[in-house]
Protein backbone atom coordinates (compact mmCIF):
# COMPACT_ATOMS: atom_id res chain seq x y z
CA MET A 1 -39.58 1.17 20.06
CA ALA A 2 -36.31 -0.13 21.42
CA GLY A 3 -33.23 1.87 20.57
CA SER A 4 -30.49 0.57 18.33
CA PRO A 5 -27.76 -1.35 20.19
CA TYR A 6 -25.27 0.70 18.16
CA ALA A 7 -26.59 4.15 19.14
CA SER A 8 -24.05 4.65 21.92
CA ALA A 9 -21.17 3.60 19.65
CA LEU A 10 -22.09 5.85 16.72
CA GLY A 11 -20.32 8.88 18.14
CA ARG A 12 -17.11 6.94 18.68
CA PHE A 13 -17.14 5.65 15.12
CA LYS A 14 -17.79 9.15 13.74
CA ALA A 15 -14.81 10.42 15.72
CA LEU A 16 -12.68 7.70 14.13
CA GLN A 17 -13.67 8.55 10.54
CA PRO A 18 -11.50 11.70 10.12
CA THR A 19 -8.40 9.66 11.04
CA LEU A 20 -8.90 7.26 8.12
CA LEU A 21 -6.82 7.89 5.01
CA THR A 22 -8.75 9.54 2.19
CA LYS A 23 -8.87 8.18 -1.34
CA ASP A 24 -6.52 10.97 -2.46
CA ALA A 25 -4.06 10.12 0.31
CA VAL A 26 -4.02 6.46 -0.69
CA SER A 27 -3.47 7.44 -4.34
CA ALA A 28 -0.55 9.65 -3.32
CA LEU A 29 1.00 6.78 -1.36
CA ALA A 30 0.64 4.51 -4.39
CA ARG A 31 2.59 7.05 -6.46
CA ALA A 32 5.37 7.42 -3.88
CA LYS A 33 8.85 6.72 -5.25
CA ASP A 34 10.37 5.20 -2.14
CA LEU A 35 10.00 4.60 1.59
CA SER A 36 11.16 8.13 2.39
CA ASP A 37 8.30 9.58 0.32
CA ILE A 38 5.79 7.29 2.02
CA LEU A 39 6.94 8.32 5.49
CA LYS A 40 6.77 11.99 4.52
CA LEU A 41 3.21 11.62 3.20
CA LEU A 42 2.13 9.88 6.41
CA GLU A 43 3.63 12.49 8.76
CA PRO A 44 0.49 14.71 8.90
CA THR A 45 -1.83 11.71 9.36
CA VAL A 46 -2.75 9.67 12.42
CA TYR A 47 0.36 7.59 11.69
CA GLY A 48 2.71 10.56 12.18
CA PRO A 49 3.21 10.36 15.97
CA GLU A 50 3.64 6.59 15.77
CA LEU A 51 6.29 6.99 13.05
CA VAL A 52 8.25 9.34 15.32
CA ARG A 53 8.08 6.92 18.25
CA ALA A 54 9.00 3.93 16.09
CA GLY A 55 11.88 5.83 14.50
CA ALA A 56 13.60 6.05 17.90
CA THR A 57 14.05 2.27 17.93
CA TYR A 58 13.68 0.88 14.41
CA ARG A 59 15.02 1.65 10.95
CA GLY A 60 13.82 1.19 7.38
CA THR A 61 10.52 -0.53 6.66
CA ALA A 62 10.31 -1.68 10.30
CA VAL A 63 9.42 1.92 11.25
CA LEU A 64 6.41 1.81 8.94
CA GLU A 65 5.40 -1.65 10.15
CA VAL A 66 5.50 -0.61 13.80
CA ALA A 67 3.46 2.56 13.18
CA ILE A 68 0.82 0.71 11.17
CA ASN A 69 0.59 -2.02 13.80
CA HIS A 70 0.10 0.48 16.63
CA VAL A 71 -2.72 2.27 14.82
CA PHE A 72 -4.28 -1.01 13.69
CA VAL A 73 -4.39 -2.51 17.19
CA ARG A 74 -5.73 0.72 18.71
CA ARG A 75 -8.57 0.74 16.19
CA GLN A 76 -9.36 -2.92 16.70
CA ARG A 77 -9.54 -2.36 20.45
CA LEU A 78 -11.99 0.52 19.86
CA LEU A 79 -14.17 -1.62 17.60
CA ILE A 80 -14.29 -4.46 20.11
CA GLU A 81 -15.14 -2.12 22.99
CA ALA A 82 -17.79 -0.22 21.00
CA ALA A 83 -19.49 -3.25 19.50
CA SER A 84 -22.85 -4.24 20.96
CA PHE A 85 -23.00 -7.29 23.22
CA ALA A 86 -24.48 -9.32 20.36
CA GLY A 87 -21.79 -8.12 17.97
CA LYS A 88 -18.71 -8.88 20.08
CA PRO A 89 -18.55 -12.64 19.26
CA VAL A 90 -18.62 -11.84 15.54
CA MET A 91 -15.86 -9.25 15.92
CA ARG A 92 -13.70 -11.63 17.93
CA ALA A 93 -14.29 -14.45 15.46
CA TYR A 94 -13.30 -12.19 12.55
CA LEU A 95 -10.13 -10.96 14.26
CA ARG A 96 -8.97 -14.54 14.88
CA ARG A 97 -7.64 -14.29 11.33
CA TRP A 98 -4.42 -12.79 12.75
CA ASP A 99 -3.91 -15.86 14.91
CA ILE A 100 -4.43 -18.01 11.81
CA GLU A 101 -1.95 -15.95 9.77
CA ASN A 102 0.71 -16.26 12.46
CA ILE A 103 0.15 -19.98 12.99
CA GLY A 104 0.44 -20.55 9.24
CA LEU A 105 3.76 -18.69 9.16
CA ILE A 106 5.10 -20.69 12.10
CA LEU A 107 4.04 -24.04 10.62
CA SER A 108 5.64 -23.08 7.29
CA ALA A 109 8.84 -22.06 9.08
CA LYS A 110 9.02 -25.41 10.87
CA ALA A 111 8.36 -27.29 7.64
CA GLU A 112 11.14 -25.38 5.86
CA GLY A 113 13.57 -25.33 8.80
CA ARG A 114 13.74 -21.54 9.00
CA PRO A 115 15.28 -20.08 12.19
CA VAL A 116 13.28 -18.27 14.87
CA SER A 117 14.98 -14.92 14.25
CA GLU A 118 14.08 -14.99 10.57
CA THR A 119 10.46 -15.94 11.14
CA GLU A 120 9.48 -13.66 14.01
CA SER A 121 9.89 -10.48 11.98
CA PHE A 122 7.16 -11.70 9.61
CA LEU A 123 4.53 -12.35 12.29
CA VAL A 124 1.45 -10.20 11.87
CA SER A 125 1.76 -7.33 14.37
CA SER A 126 4.84 -8.98 15.81
CA ARG A 127 6.35 -5.76 17.13
CA GLU A 128 5.29 -6.25 20.74
CA ILE A 129 1.63 -5.41 20.04
CA PRO A 130 0.00 -8.49 18.52
CA ALA A 131 -3.60 -8.11 17.39
CA GLY A 132 -4.32 -11.30 19.30
CA LEU A 133 -3.58 -9.45 22.52
CA PHE A 134 -6.88 -7.63 22.10
CA ALA A 135 -8.90 -9.79 19.75
CA GLY A 136 -7.65 -13.32 19.32
CA THR A 137 -6.69 -15.94 21.86
CA MET A 138 -2.92 -15.69 21.48
CA GLY A 139 -0.32 -13.06 22.34
CA LEU A 140 3.23 -12.46 21.17
CA ASP A 141 4.73 -14.59 23.95
CA ASP A 142 2.54 -17.49 22.83
CA PHE A 143 3.80 -17.19 19.26
CA ARG A 144 7.40 -16.99 20.46
CA SER A 145 6.88 -20.16 22.50
CA LEU A 146 5.60 -21.92 19.39
CA LEU A 147 8.60 -20.74 17.39
CA ALA A 148 10.92 -22.17 20.04
CA LEU A 149 9.46 -25.67 19.68
CA PRO A 150 11.66 -28.09 17.71
CA THR A 151 9.20 -29.58 15.19
CA LEU A 152 5.97 -28.95 13.34
CA ASP A 153 4.37 -31.84 15.25
CA ALA A 154 5.25 -30.19 18.55
CA VAL A 155 3.71 -26.91 17.38
CA ALA A 156 0.48 -28.63 16.33
CA THR A 157 0.25 -30.45 19.66
CA GLN A 158 0.83 -27.23 21.63
CA LEU A 159 -1.88 -25.46 19.61
CA VAL A 160 -4.53 -27.69 21.20
CA ARG A 161 -4.44 -25.50 24.31
CA TYR A 162 -5.40 -22.48 22.18
CA GLY A 163 -8.23 -24.22 20.35
CA TYR A 164 -6.42 -24.57 17.02
CA GLY A 165 -4.69 -27.95 17.26
CA GLY A 166 -7.81 -30.09 16.96
CA VAL A 167 -8.03 -29.65 13.19
CA LEU A 168 -4.28 -30.26 12.74
CA LEU A 169 -3.59 -33.40 14.78
CA PRO A 170 -5.54 -35.80 12.48
CA LEU A 171 -3.42 -34.59 9.55
CA LEU A 172 0.02 -35.10 11.09
CA GLU A 173 0.37 -38.73 10.01
CA THR A 174 -0.24 -37.81 6.38
CA TYR A 175 2.14 -34.84 6.69
CA ALA A 176 4.87 -37.18 8.01
CA ARG A 177 4.60 -39.18 4.78
CA THR A 178 4.14 -36.38 2.25
CA HIS A 179 5.74 -33.32 3.91
CA ASP A 180 2.97 -31.34 2.20
CA ILE A 181 1.93 -28.50 4.50
CA PHE A 182 -0.93 -27.27 2.30
CA PRO A 183 -3.62 -29.54 3.89
CA LEU A 184 -2.68 -28.19 7.33
CA LEU A 185 -2.98 -24.57 6.23
CA THR A 186 -6.26 -25.33 4.45
CA ALA A 187 -7.67 -26.98 7.59
CA LEU A 188 -6.88 -23.85 9.62
CA GLN A 189 -8.61 -21.61 7.08
CA ARG A 190 -11.69 -23.82 6.90
CA ASP A 191 -11.94 -23.89 10.69
CA TYR A 192 -11.62 -20.10 10.78
CA TYR A 193 -14.48 -19.55 8.33
CA ARG A 194 -16.64 -22.20 10.01
CA THR A 195 -16.23 -20.43 13.35
CA LEU A 196 -16.92 -17.05 11.76
CA LEU A 197 -20.13 -18.30 10.12
CA GLU A 198 -21.33 -19.91 13.34
CA SER A 199 -20.67 -16.69 15.26
CA SER A 200 -22.70 -14.64 12.78
CA LYS A 201 -25.56 -17.14 12.37
CA PHE A 202 -27.73 -15.67 15.11
CA PHE A 203 -26.36 -12.14 15.00
CA GLN A 204 -28.89 -9.34 14.56
CA GLY A 205 -27.62 -5.87 13.73
């Protein structure tokens, strides 16, 4: 009988399990009074070293964001590398959600006229280590380039090169009349789930 395509990855996943926060640890974080308490609770966890490194550059909640992003991206890279050949397309399709989140933020910023500096700090994993660098099709420089464009129409047009603009371009004429961004965001979400379902249709595992 053929072996499981996941047999070689099982050991790597088991090694990852002890680094996950326990239910008690999550409950303690939920009871924390402030950011200082949260950081103290996370010191003995896998986030501890990342908090120290982030603290050398950032302050306040940015320290926590940077640490979480570093651990998140490292884990996503492990999952992608350990997934079987048949499972990789599904993993990549799922992790495109971070591209979608960032694109939605950028489109909303353009619609509302928010400045680049205000918007960039809200990008998912924006602190130099975007999830898209390992999983999606876009990196931080790509998102910054989109933020630098003058209009929402320009952003949608540029997104064609990344495979996201096709669902947006037919909606731009209606947006120009209504200035309602919701149909654009909905189109992105629908395209994401359609791609995810297609990727998993023939997946066995």
